[in-house]
Amino acid sequence: QIYVFEVNPGASRTVPFVAKAVGIPVAGIAARIMGGASLKSFGLRTPKLKHVAVKEAVFPFARFPGVDPVLGPEMRSTGEVMGIDQDFGLAFAKSQIGAG
């Protein structure tokens, strides 16, 4: 079963996150499939993860004084951080600390 998790240019930031979180080189596999390899040839299995990964946006408020802190639909983050732990609460906390 295949799940589409993002179909837009923003996937350029999501794909590396997912690859690191699950330990599978997603972009490399996709490139080889576009080159003619079959998905089946990779022998992929559902990974048995013992951790939770949380992606958090880093916003520019501290970096750019005077920036309007009210968020809208525009993309205004200056990057992203990842919090990883065996426990969701700790993974979330790590992402918040990393985001400042």
PDB file of N, CA and C in Angstrom:
ATOM      1  N   GLN A   1       0.846  -1.168   0.000  1.00  0.00           N
ATOM      2  CA  GLN A   1       0.000   0.000   0.000  1.00  0.00           C
ATOM      3  C   GLN A   1       0.890   1.228   0.000  1.00  0.00           C
ATOM      4  N   ILE A   2       0.582   2.172  -0.843  1.00  0.00           N
ATOM      5  CA  ILE A   2       1.378   3.393  -0.962  1.00  0.00           C
ATOM      6  C   ILE A   2       0.572   4.561  -0.421  1.00  0.00           C
ATOM      7  N   TYR A   3       1.228   5.398   0.391  1.00  0.00           N
ATOM      8  CA  TYR A   3       0.608   6.602   0.919  1.00  0.00           C
ATOM      9  C   TYR A   3       1.327   7.812   0.348  1.00  0.00           C
ATOM     10  N   VAL A   4       0.596   8.764  -0.209  1.00  0.00           N
ATOM     11  CA  VAL A   4       1.179  10.006  -0.701  1.00  0.00           C
ATOM     12  C   VAL A   4       1.112  10.992   0.456  1.00  0.00           C
ATOM     13  N   PHE A   5       2.275  11.463   0.900  1.00  0.00           N
ATOM     14  CA  PHE A   5       2.271  12.343   2.061  1.00  0.00           C
ATOM     15  C   PHE A   5       2.457  13.798   1.698  1.00  0.00           C
ATOM     16  N   GLU A   6       2.886  14.094   0.489  1.00  0.00           N
ATOM     17  CA  GLU A   6       2.997  15.486   0.092  1.00  0.00           C
ATOM     18  C   GLU A   6       3.227  15.550  -1.406  1.00  0.00           C
ATOM     19  N   VAL A   7       2.481  16.431  -2.083  1.00  0.00           N
ATOM     20  CA  VAL A   7       2.659  16.615  -3.512  1.00  0.00           C
ATOM     21  C   VAL A   7       2.727  18.109  -3.784  1.00  0.00           C
ATOM     22  N   ASN A   8       3.893  18.673  -3.558  1.00  0.00           N
ATOM     23  CA  ASN A   8       4.156  20.078  -3.867  1.00  0.00           C
ATOM     24  C   ASN A   8       5.645  20.337  -3.686  1.00  0.00           C
ATOM     25  N   PRO A   9       6.134  21.495  -4.101  1.00  0.00           N
ATOM     26  CA  PRO A   9       7.574  21.749  -3.976  1.00  0.00           C
ATOM     27  C   PRO A   9       8.084  21.694  -2.535  1.00  0.00           C
ATOM     28  N   GLY A  10       7.213  21.855  -1.574  1.00  0.00           N
ATOM     29  CA  GLY A  10       7.618  21.778  -0.169  1.00  0.00           C
ATOM     30  C   GLY A  10       8.135  20.403   0.222  1.00  0.00           C
ATOM     31  N   ALA A  11       7.842  19.416  -0.601  1.00  0.00           N
ATOM     32  CA  ALA A  11       8.325  18.062  -0.322  1.00  0.00           C
ATOM     33  C   ALA A  11       9.843  18.025  -0.295  1.00  0.00           C
ATOM     34  N   SER A  12      10.480  19.025  -0.887  1.00  0.00           N
ATOM     35  CA  SER A  12      11.941  19.061  -0.889  1.00  0.00           C
ATOM     36  C   SER A  12      12.476  19.179   0.536  1.00  0.00           C
ATOM     37  N   ARG A  13      11.643  19.621   1.479  1.00  0.00           N
ATOM     38  CA  ARG A  13      12.062  19.665   2.880  1.00  0.00           C
ATOM     39  C   ARG A  13      11.476  18.496   3.668  1.00  0.00           C
ATOM     40  N   THR A  14      10.361  17.965   3.233  1.00  0.00           N
ATOM     41  CA  THR A  14       9.727  16.859   3.948  1.00  0.00           C
ATOM     42  C   THR A  14      10.410  15.533   3.656  1.00  0.00           C
ATOM     43  N   VAL A  15      10.809  15.316   2.422  1.00  0.00           N
ATOM     44  CA  VAL A  15      11.420  14.043   2.039  1.00  0.00           C
ATOM     45  C   VAL A  15      12.688  13.757   2.867  1.00  0.00           C
ATOM     46  N   PRO A  16      13.621  14.703   3.016  1.00  0.00           N
ATOM     47  CA  PRO A  16      14.790  14.412   3.851  1.00  0.00           C
ATOM     48  C   PRO A  16      14.415  14.109   5.306  1.00  0.00           C
ATOM     49  N   PHE A  17      13.395  14.777   5.820  1.00  0.00           N
ATOM     50  CA  PHE A  17      12.935  14.523   7.190  1.00  0.00           C
ATOM     51  C   PHE A  17      12.431  13.090   7.320  1.00  0.00           C
ATOM     52  N   VAL A  18      11.565  12.689   6.398  1.00  0.00           N
ATOM     53  CA  VAL A  18      11.004  11.334   6.437  1.00  0.00           C
ATOM     54  C   VAL A  18      12.113  10.303   6.279  1.00  0.00           C
ATOM     55  N   ALA A  19      13.039  10.544   5.349  1.00  0.00           N
ATOM     56  CA  ALA A  19      14.134   9.605   5.123  1.00  0.00           C
ATOM     57  C   ALA A  19      14.953   9.402   6.393  1.00  0.00           C
ATOM     58  N   LYS A  20      15.262  10.499   7.081  1.00  0.00           N
ATOM     59  CA  LYS A  20      16.035  10.388   8.315  1.00  0.00           C
ATOM     60  C   LYS A  20      15.217   9.723   9.414  1.00  0.00           C
ATOM     61  N   ALA A  21      13.940  10.050   9.495  1.00  0.00           N
ATOM     62  CA  ALA A  21      13.083   9.496  10.546  1.00  0.00           C
ATOM     63  C   ALA A  21      12.899   7.987  10.421  1.00  0.00           C
ATOM     64  N   VAL A  22      12.800   7.488   9.192  1.00  0.00           N
ATOM     65  CA  VAL A  22      12.552   6.059   8.996  1.00  0.00           C
ATOM     66  C   VAL A  22      13.784   5.276   8.565  1.00  0.00           C
ATOM     67  N   GLY A  23      14.876   5.986   8.250  1.00  0.00           N
ATOM     68  CA  GLY A  23      16.110   5.307   7.876  1.00  0.00           C
ATOM     69  C   GLY A  23      16.096   4.683   6.492  1.00  0.00           C
ATOM     70  N   ILE A  24      15.343   5.287   5.584  1.00  0.00           N
ATOM     71  CA  ILE A  24      15.252   4.790   4.205  1.00  0.00           C
ATOM     72  C   ILE A  24      15.598   5.950   3.265  1.00  0.00           C
ATOM     73  N   PRO A  25      16.501   5.755   2.303  1.00  0.00           N
ATOM     74  CA  PRO A  25      16.889   6.835   1.387  1.00  0.00           C
ATOM     75  C   PRO A  25      15.803   7.119   0.349  1.00  0.00           C
ATOM     76  N   VAL A  26      14.762   7.786   0.760  1.00  0.00           N
ATOM     77  CA  VAL A  26      13.573   8.002  -0.062  1.00  0.00           C
ATOM     78  C   VAL A  26      13.897   8.681  -1.393  1.00  0.00           C
ATOM     79  N   ALA A  27      14.665   9.765  -1.369  1.00  0.00           N
ATOM     80  CA  ALA A  27      14.962  10.499  -2.607  1.00  0.00           C
ATOM     81  C   ALA A  27      15.773   9.634  -3.571  1.00  0.00           C
ATOM     82  N   GLY A  28      16.729   8.892  -3.058  1.00  0.00           N
ATOM     83  CA  GLY A  28      17.537   8.019  -3.912  1.00  0.00           C
ATOM     84  C   GLY A  28      16.706   6.934  -4.567  1.00  0.00           C
ATOM     85  N   ILE A  29      15.803   6.365  -3.799  1.00  0.00           N
ATOM     86  CA  ILE A  29      14.907   5.339  -4.352  1.00  0.00           C
ATOM     87  C   ILE A  29      14.010   5.952  -5.425  1.00  0.00           C
ATOM     88  N   ALA A  30      13.471   7.137  -5.150  1.00  0.00           N
ATOM     89  CA  ALA A  30      12.598   7.804  -6.130  1.00  0.00           C
ATOM     90  C   ALA A  30      13.359   8.086  -7.417  1.00  0.00           C
ATOM     91  N   ALA A  31      14.611   8.536  -7.299  1.00  0.00           N
ATOM     92  CA  ALA A  31      15.412   8.827  -8.492  1.00  0.00           C
ATOM     93  C   ALA A  31      15.645   7.557  -9.315  1.00  0.00           C
ATOM     94  N   ARG A  32      15.917   6.456  -8.637  1.00  0.00           N
ATOM     95  CA  ARG A  32      16.150   5.197  -9.359  1.00  0.00           C
ATOM     96  C   ARG A  32      14.866   4.684 -10.010  1.00  0.00           C
ATOM     97  N   ILE A  33      13.724   4.910  -9.353  1.00  0.00           N
ATOM     98  CA  ILE A  33      12.440   4.520  -9.952  1.00  0.00           C
ATOM     99  C   ILE A  33      12.183   5.355 -11.209  1.00  0.00           C
ATOM    100  N   MET A  34      12.483   6.659 -11.137  1.00  0.00           N
ATOM    101  CA  MET A  34      12.311   7.501 -12.329  1.00  0.00           C
ATOM    102  C   MET A  34      13.238   7.047 -13.449  1.00  0.00           C
ATOM    103  N   GLY A  35      14.356   6.420 -13.081  1.00  0.00           N
ATOM    104  CA  GLY A  35      15.276   5.896 -14.075  1.00  0.00           C
ATOM    105  C   GLY A  35      14.911   4.524 -14.597  1.00  0.00           C
ATOM    106  N   GLY A  36      13.811   3.958 -14.098  1.00  0.00           N
ATOM    107  CA  GLY A  36      13.333   2.691 -14.630  1.00  0.00           C
ATOM    108  C   GLY A  36      13.317   1.519 -13.669  1.00  0.00           C
ATOM    109  N   ALA A  37      13.909   1.665 -12.487  1.00  0.00           N
ATOM    110  CA  ALA A  37      13.885   0.564 -11.512  1.00  0.00           C
ATOM    111  C   ALA A  37      12.463   0.362 -10.993  1.00  0.00           C
ATOM    112  N   SER A  38      12.160  -0.847 -10.596  1.00  0.00           N
ATOM    113  CA  SER A  38      10.830  -1.105 -10.035  1.00  0.00           C
ATOM    114  C   SER A  38      10.873  -0.909  -8.521  1.00  0.00           C
ATOM    115  N   LEU A  39       9.767  -0.471  -7.967  1.00  0.00           N
ATOM    116  CA  LEU A  39       9.672  -0.295  -6.516  1.00  0.00           C
ATOM    117  C   LEU A  39       9.926  -1.622  -5.812  1.00  0.00           C
ATOM    118  N   LYS A  40       9.427  -2.687  -6.392  1.00  0.00           N
ATOM    119  CA  LYS A  40       9.586  -4.020  -5.801  1.00  0.00           C
ATOM    120  C   LYS A  40      11.061  -4.419  -5.689  1.00  0.00           C
ATOM    121  N   SER A  41      11.892  -3.935  -6.599  1.00  0.00           N
ATOM    122  CA  SER A  41      13.308  -4.320  -6.610  1.00  0.00           C
ATOM    123  C   SER A  41      14.073  -3.840  -5.373  1.00  0.00           C
ATOM    124  N   PHE A  42      13.509  -2.921  -4.612  1.00  0.00           N
ATOM    125  CA  PHE A  42      14.192  -2.399  -3.425  1.00  0.00           C
ATOM    126  C   PHE A  42      13.940  -3.253  -2.186  1.00  0.00           C
ATOM    127  N   GLY A  43      12.978  -4.177  -2.274  1.00  0.00           N
ATOM    128  CA  GLY A  43      12.697  -5.047  -1.137  1.00  0.00           C
ATOM    129  C   GLY A  43      12.324  -4.288   0.122  1.00  0.00           C
ATOM    130  N   LEU A  44      11.583  -3.205  -0.042  1.00  0.00           N
ATOM    131  CA  LEU A  44      11.215  -2.363   1.105  1.00  0.00           C
ATOM    132  C   LEU A  44      10.234  -3.073   2.026  1.00  0.00           C
ATOM    133  N   ARG A  45      10.403  -2.866   3.290  1.00  0.00           N
ATOM    134  CA  ARG A  45       9.506  -3.382   4.325  1.00  0.00           C
ATOM    135  C   ARG A  45       9.123  -2.226   5.229  1.00  0.00           C
ATOM    136  N   THR A  46       8.001  -2.354   5.894  1.00  0.00           N
ATOM    137  CA  THR A  46       7.606  -1.338   6.858  1.00  0.00           C
ATOM    138  C   THR A  46       8.620  -1.332   7.996  1.00  0.00           C
ATOM    139  N   PRO A  47       9.262  -0.187   8.225  1.00  0.00           N
ATOM    140  CA  PRO A  47      10.278  -0.161   9.281  1.00  0.00           C
ATOM    141  C   PRO A  47       9.654  -0.310  10.666  1.00  0.00           C
ATOM    142  N   LYS A  48      10.330  -1.015  11.532  1.00  0.00           N
ATOM    143  CA  LYS A  48       9.891  -1.170  12.922  1.00  0.00           C
ATOM    144  C   LYS A  48      10.626  -0.110  13.738  1.00  0.00           C
ATOM    145  N   LEU A  49       9.980   1.006  13.920  1.00  0.00           N
ATOM    146  CA  LEU A  49      10.615   2.145  14.590  1.00  0.00           C
ATOM    147  C   LEU A  49      10.435   2.066  16.097  1.00  0.00           C
ATOM    148  N   LYS A  50      11.472   2.434  16.802  1.00  0.00           N
ATOM    149  CA  LYS A  50      11.411   2.503  18.261  1.00  0.00           C
ATOM    150  C   LYS A  50      11.548   3.939  18.726  1.00  0.00           C
ATOM    151  N   HIS A  51      11.220   4.856  17.825  1.00  0.00           N
ATOM    152  CA  HIS A  51      11.318   6.273  18.162  1.00  0.00           C
ATOM    153  C   HIS A  51      10.188   7.047  17.486  1.00  0.00           C
ATOM    154  N   VAL A  52      10.045   8.279  17.932  1.00  0.00           N
ATOM    155  CA  VAL A  52       9.087   9.223  17.360  1.00  0.00           C
ATOM    156  C   VAL A  52       9.911  10.396  16.858  1.00  0.00           C
ATOM    157  N   ALA A  53       9.594  10.903  15.676  1.00  0.00           N
ATOM    158  CA  ALA A  53      10.282  12.068  15.131  1.00  0.00           C
ATOM    159  C   ALA A  53       9.274  13.205  14.969  1.00  0.00           C
ATOM    160  N   VAL A  54       9.632  14.378  15.465  1.00  0.00           N
ATOM    161  CA  VAL A  54       8.765  15.548  15.390  1.00  0.00           C
ATOM    162  C   VAL A  54       9.488  16.629  14.589  1.00  0.00           C
ATOM    163  N   LYS A  55       8.833  17.136  13.546  1.00  0.00           N
ATOM    164  CA  LYS A  55       9.394  18.215  12.729  1.00  0.00           C
ATOM    165  C   LYS A  55       8.786  19.528  13.197  1.00  0.00           C
ATOM    166  N   GLU A  56       9.621  20.516  13.461  1.00  0.00           N
ATOM    167  CA  GLU A  56       9.145  21.817  13.927  1.00  0.00           C
ATOM    168  C   GLU A  56       9.763  22.918  13.089  1.00  0.00           C
ATOM    169  N   ALA A  57       8.952  23.886  12.720  1.00  0.00           N
ATOM    170  CA  ALA A  57       9.440  25.036  11.959  1.00  0.00           C
ATOM    171  C   ALA A  57      10.179  25.994  12.883  1.00  0.00           C
ATOM    172  N   VAL A  58      11.201  26.630  12.332  1.00  0.00           N
ATOM    173  CA  VAL A  58      11.934  27.663  13.062  1.00  0.00           C
ATOM    174  C   VAL A  58      11.518  28.995  12.446  1.00  0.00           C
ATOM    175  N   PHE A  59      10.919  29.834  13.245  1.00  0.00           N
ATOM    176  CA  PHE A  59      10.432  31.112  12.741  1.00  0.00           C
ATOM    177  C   PHE A  59      11.435  32.221  13.025  1.00  0.00           C
ATOM    178  N   PRO A  60      11.442  33.267  12.210  1.00  0.00           N
ATOM    179  CA  PRO A  60      12.491  34.287  12.274  1.00  0.00           C
ATOM    180  C   PRO A  60      12.275  35.396  13.303  1.00  0.00           C
ATOM    181  N   PHE A  61      11.360  35.236  14.227  1.00  0.00           N
ATOM    182  CA  PHE A  61      11.018  36.352  15.106  1.00  0.00           C
ATOM    183  C   PHE A  61      12.208  36.877  15.897  1.00  0.00           C
ATOM    184  N   ALA A  62      13.010  36.006  16.478  1.00  0.00           N
ATOM    185  CA  ALA A  62      14.169  36.457  17.255  1.00  0.00           C
ATOM    186  C   ALA A  62      15.283  36.936  16.333  1.00  0.00           C
ATOM    187  N   ARG A  63      15.357  36.361  15.170  1.00  0.00           N
ATOM    188  CA  ARG A  63      16.434  36.687  14.230  1.00  0.00           C
ATOM    189  C   ARG A  63      16.225  38.021  13.524  1.00  0.00           C
ATOM    190  N   PHE A  64      14.963  38.375  13.309  1.00  0.00           N
ATOM    191  CA  PHE A  64      14.638  39.604  12.595  1.00  0.00           C
ATOM    192  C   PHE A  64      13.730  40.494  13.444  1.00  0.00           C
ATOM    193  N   PRO A  65      14.310  41.367  14.248  1.00  0.00           N
ATOM    194  CA  PRO A  65      13.498  42.250  15.095  1.00  0.00           C
ATOM    195  C   PRO A  65      12.512  43.060  14.249  1.00  0.00           C
ATOM    196  N   GLY A  66      11.311  43.202  14.762  1.00  0.00           N
ATOM    197  CA  GLY A  66      10.300  43.983  14.077  1.00  0.00           C
ATOM    198  C   GLY A  66       9.440  43.188  13.118  1.00  0.00           C
ATOM    199  N   VAL A  67       9.745  41.904  12.932  1.00  0.00           N
ATOM    200  CA  VAL A  67       8.929  41.074  12.054  1.00  0.00           C
ATOM    201  C   VAL A  67       7.579  40.837  12.724  1.00  0.00           C
ATOM    202  N   ASP A  68       6.515  40.929  11.950  1.00  0.00           N
ATOM    203  CA  ASP A  68       5.168  40.702  12.467  1.00  0.00           C
ATOM    204  C   ASP A  68       5.041  39.248  12.938  1.00  0.00           C
ATOM    205  N   PRO A  69       4.775  39.018  14.228  1.00  0.00           N
ATOM    206  CA  PRO A  69       4.689  37.645  14.728  1.00  0.00           C
ATOM    207  C   PRO A  69       3.367  36.941  14.427  1.00  0.00           C
ATOM    208  N   VAL A  70       2.423  37.615  13.776  1.00  0.00           N
ATOM    209  CA  VAL A  70       1.154  36.984  13.436  1.00  0.00           C
ATOM    210  C   VAL A  70       1.371  36.145  12.181  1.00  0.00           C
ATOM    211  N   LEU A  71       1.102  34.861  12.290  1.00  0.00           N
ATOM    212  CA  LEU A  71       1.320  33.963  11.161  1.00  0.00           C
ATOM    213  C   LEU A  71       0.133  33.965  10.212  1.00  0.00           C
ATOM    214  N   GLY A  72       0.431  33.884   8.940  1.00  0.00           N
ATOM    215  CA  GLY A  72      -0.584  33.791   7.904  1.00  0.00           C
ATOM    216  C   GLY A  72      -0.325  32.562   7.056  1.00  0.00           C
ATOM    217  N   PRO A  73      -0.944  32.490   5.887  1.00  0.00           N
ATOM    218  CA  PRO A  73      -0.761  31.309   5.042  1.00  0.00           C
ATOM    219  C   PRO A  73       0.590  31.255   4.330  1.00  0.00           C
ATOM    220  N   GLU A  74       1.348  32.365   4.349  1.00  0.00           N
ATOM    221  CA  GLU A  74       2.639  32.370   3.664  1.00  0.00           C
ATOM    222  C   GLU A  74       3.659  31.549   4.437  1.00  0.00           C
ATOM    223  N   MET A  75       4.652  31.043   3.711  1.00  0.00           N
ATOM    224  CA  MET A  75       5.747  30.297   4.332  1.00  0.00           C
ATOM    225  C   MET A  75       6.736  31.312   4.879  1.00  0.00           C
ATOM    226  N   ARG A  76       6.883  31.389   6.189  1.00  0.00           N
ATOM    227  CA  ARG A  76       7.781  32.363   6.785  1.00  0.00           C
ATOM    228  C   ARG A  76       8.842  31.737   7.668  1.00  0.00           C
ATOM    229  N   SER A  77       8.945  30.446   7.692  1.00  0.00           N
ATOM    230  CA  SER A  77       9.952  29.840   8.553  1.00  0.00           C
ATOM    231  C   SER A  77      11.321  29.968   7.901  1.00  0.00           C
ATOM    232  N   THR A  78      12.358  29.981   8.744  1.00  0.00           N
ATOM    233  CA  THR A  78      13.727  30.087   8.233  1.00  0.00           C
ATOM    234  C   THR A  78      14.422  28.737   8.266  1.00  0.00           C
ATOM    235  N   GLY A  79      13.695  27.707   8.619  1.00  0.00           N
ATOM    236  CA  GLY A  79      14.276  26.376   8.660  1.00  0.00           C
ATOM    237  C   GLY A  79      13.417  25.457   9.497  1.00  0.00           C
ATOM    238  N   GLU A  80      13.928  24.268   9.723  1.00  0.00           N
ATOM    239  CA  GLU A  80      13.205  23.276  10.512  1.00  0.00           C
ATOM    240  C   GLU A  80      14.189  22.498  11.366  1.00  0.00           C
ATOM    241  N   VAL A  81      13.681  21.977  12.458  1.00  0.00           N
ATOM    242  CA  VAL A  81      14.482  21.127  13.330  1.00  0.00           C
ATOM    243  C   VAL A  81      13.722  19.828  13.558  1.00  0.00           C
ATOM    244  N   MET A  82      14.455  18.807  14.010  1.00  0.00           N
ATOM    245  CA  MET A  82      13.855  17.506  14.271  1.00  0.00           C
ATOM    246  C   MET A  82      14.129  17.121  15.714  1.00  0.00           C
ATOM    247  N   GLY A  83      13.103  16.695  16.405  1.00  0.00           N
ATOM    248  CA  GLY A  83      13.249  16.132  17.739  1.00  0.00           C
ATOM    249  C   GLY A  83      12.975  14.641  17.654  1.00  0.00           C
ATOM    250  N   ILE A  84      13.909  13.818  18.141  1.00  0.00           N
ATOM    251  CA  ILE A  84      13.739  12.364  18.096  1.00  0.00           C
ATOM    252  C   ILE A  84      13.907  11.794  19.494  1.00  0.00           C
ATOM    253  N   ASP A  85      12.994  10.917  19.878  1.00  0.00           N
ATOM    254  CA  ASP A  85      13.084  10.226  21.157  1.00  0.00           C
ATOM    255  C   ASP A  85      12.152   9.022  21.113  1.00  0.00           C
ATOM    256  N   GLN A  86      12.243   8.168  22.101  1.00  0.00           N
ATOM    257  CA  GLN A  86      11.349   7.013  22.189  1.00  0.00           C
ATOM    258  C   GLN A  86       9.966   7.434  22.656  1.00  0.00           C
ATOM    259  N   ASP A  87       9.873   8.604  23.260  1.00  0.00           N
ATOM    260  CA  ASP A  87       8.631   9.114  23.828  1.00  0.00           C
ATOM    261  C   ASP A  87       8.195  10.361  23.054  1.00  0.00           C
ATOM    262  N   PHE A  88       6.910  10.446  22.674  1.00  0.00           N
ATOM    263  CA  PHE A  88       6.437  11.606  21.917  1.00  0.00           C
ATOM    264  C   PHE A  88       6.678  12.909  22.660  1.00  0.00           C
ATOM    265  N   GLY A  89       6.354  12.942  23.946  1.00  0.00           N
ATOM    266  CA  GLY A  89       6.519  14.180  24.710  1.00  0.00           C
ATOM    267  C   GLY A  89       7.952  14.676  24.692  1.00  0.00           C
ATOM    268  N   LEU A  90       8.901  13.762  24.849  1.00  0.00           N
ATOM    269  CA  LEU A  90      10.311  14.158  24.829  1.00  0.00           C
ATOM    270  C   LEU A  90      10.753  14.563  23.423  1.00  0.00           C
ATOM    271  N   ALA A  91      10.272  13.871  22.399  1.00  0.00           N
ATOM    272  CA  ALA A  91      10.597  14.250  21.022  1.00  0.00           C
ATOM    273  C   ALA A  91      10.050  15.638  20.725  1.00  0.00           C
ATOM    274  N   PHE A  92       8.829  15.911  21.165  1.00  0.00           N
ATOM    275  CA  PHE A  92       8.229  17.228  20.966  1.00  0.00           C
ATOM    276  C   PHE A  92       9.025  18.295  21.706  1.00  0.00           C
ATOM    277  N   ALA A  93       9.386  18.011  22.964  1.00  0.00           N
ATOM    278  CA  ALA A  93      10.167  18.965  23.752  1.00  0.00           C
ATOM    279  C   ALA A  93      11.499  19.267  23.077  1.00  0.00           C
ATOM    280  N   LYS A  94      12.162  18.243  22.570  1.00  0.00           N
ATOM    281  CA  LYS A  94      13.441  18.449  21.872  1.00  0.00           C
ATOM    282  C   LYS A  94      13.252  19.330  20.633  1.00  0.00           C
ATOM    283  N   SER A  95      12.149  19.133  19.914  1.00  0.00           N
ATOM    284  CA  SER A  95      11.901  19.958  18.730  1.00  0.00           C
ATOM    285  C   SER A  95      11.676  21.416  19.128  1.00  0.00           C
ATOM    286  N   GLN A  96      11.006  21.629  20.245  1.00  0.00           N
ATOM    287  CA  GLN A  96      10.751  22.996  20.706  1.00  0.00           C
ATOM    288  C   GLN A  96      12.047  23.673  21.165  1.00  0.00           C
ATOM    289  N   ILE A  97      12.887  22.922  21.861  1.00  0.00           N
ATOM    290  CA  ILE A  97      14.177  23.474  22.295  1.00  0.00           C
ATOM    291  C   ILE A  97      15.029  23.810  21.075  1.00  0.00           C
ATOM    292  N   GLY A  98      15.037  22.898  20.101  1.00  0.00           N
ATOM    293  CA  GLY A  98      15.808  23.135  18.877  1.00  0.00           C
ATOM    294  C   GLY A  98      15.321  24.330  18.078  1.00  0.00           C
ATOM    295  N   ALA A  99      14.022  24.575  18.126  1.00  0.00           N
ATOM    296  CA  ALA A  99      13.438  25.687  17.381  1.00  0.00           C
ATOM    297  C   ALA A  99      13.612  27.014  18.111  1.00  0.00           C
ATOM    298  N   GLY A 100      14.053  26.927  19.370  1.00  0.00           N
ATOM    299  CA  GLY A 100      14.275  28.156  20.142  1.00  0.00           C
ATOM    300  C   GLY A 100      13.013  28.667  20.775  1.00  0.00           C
TER     301      GLY A 100
END
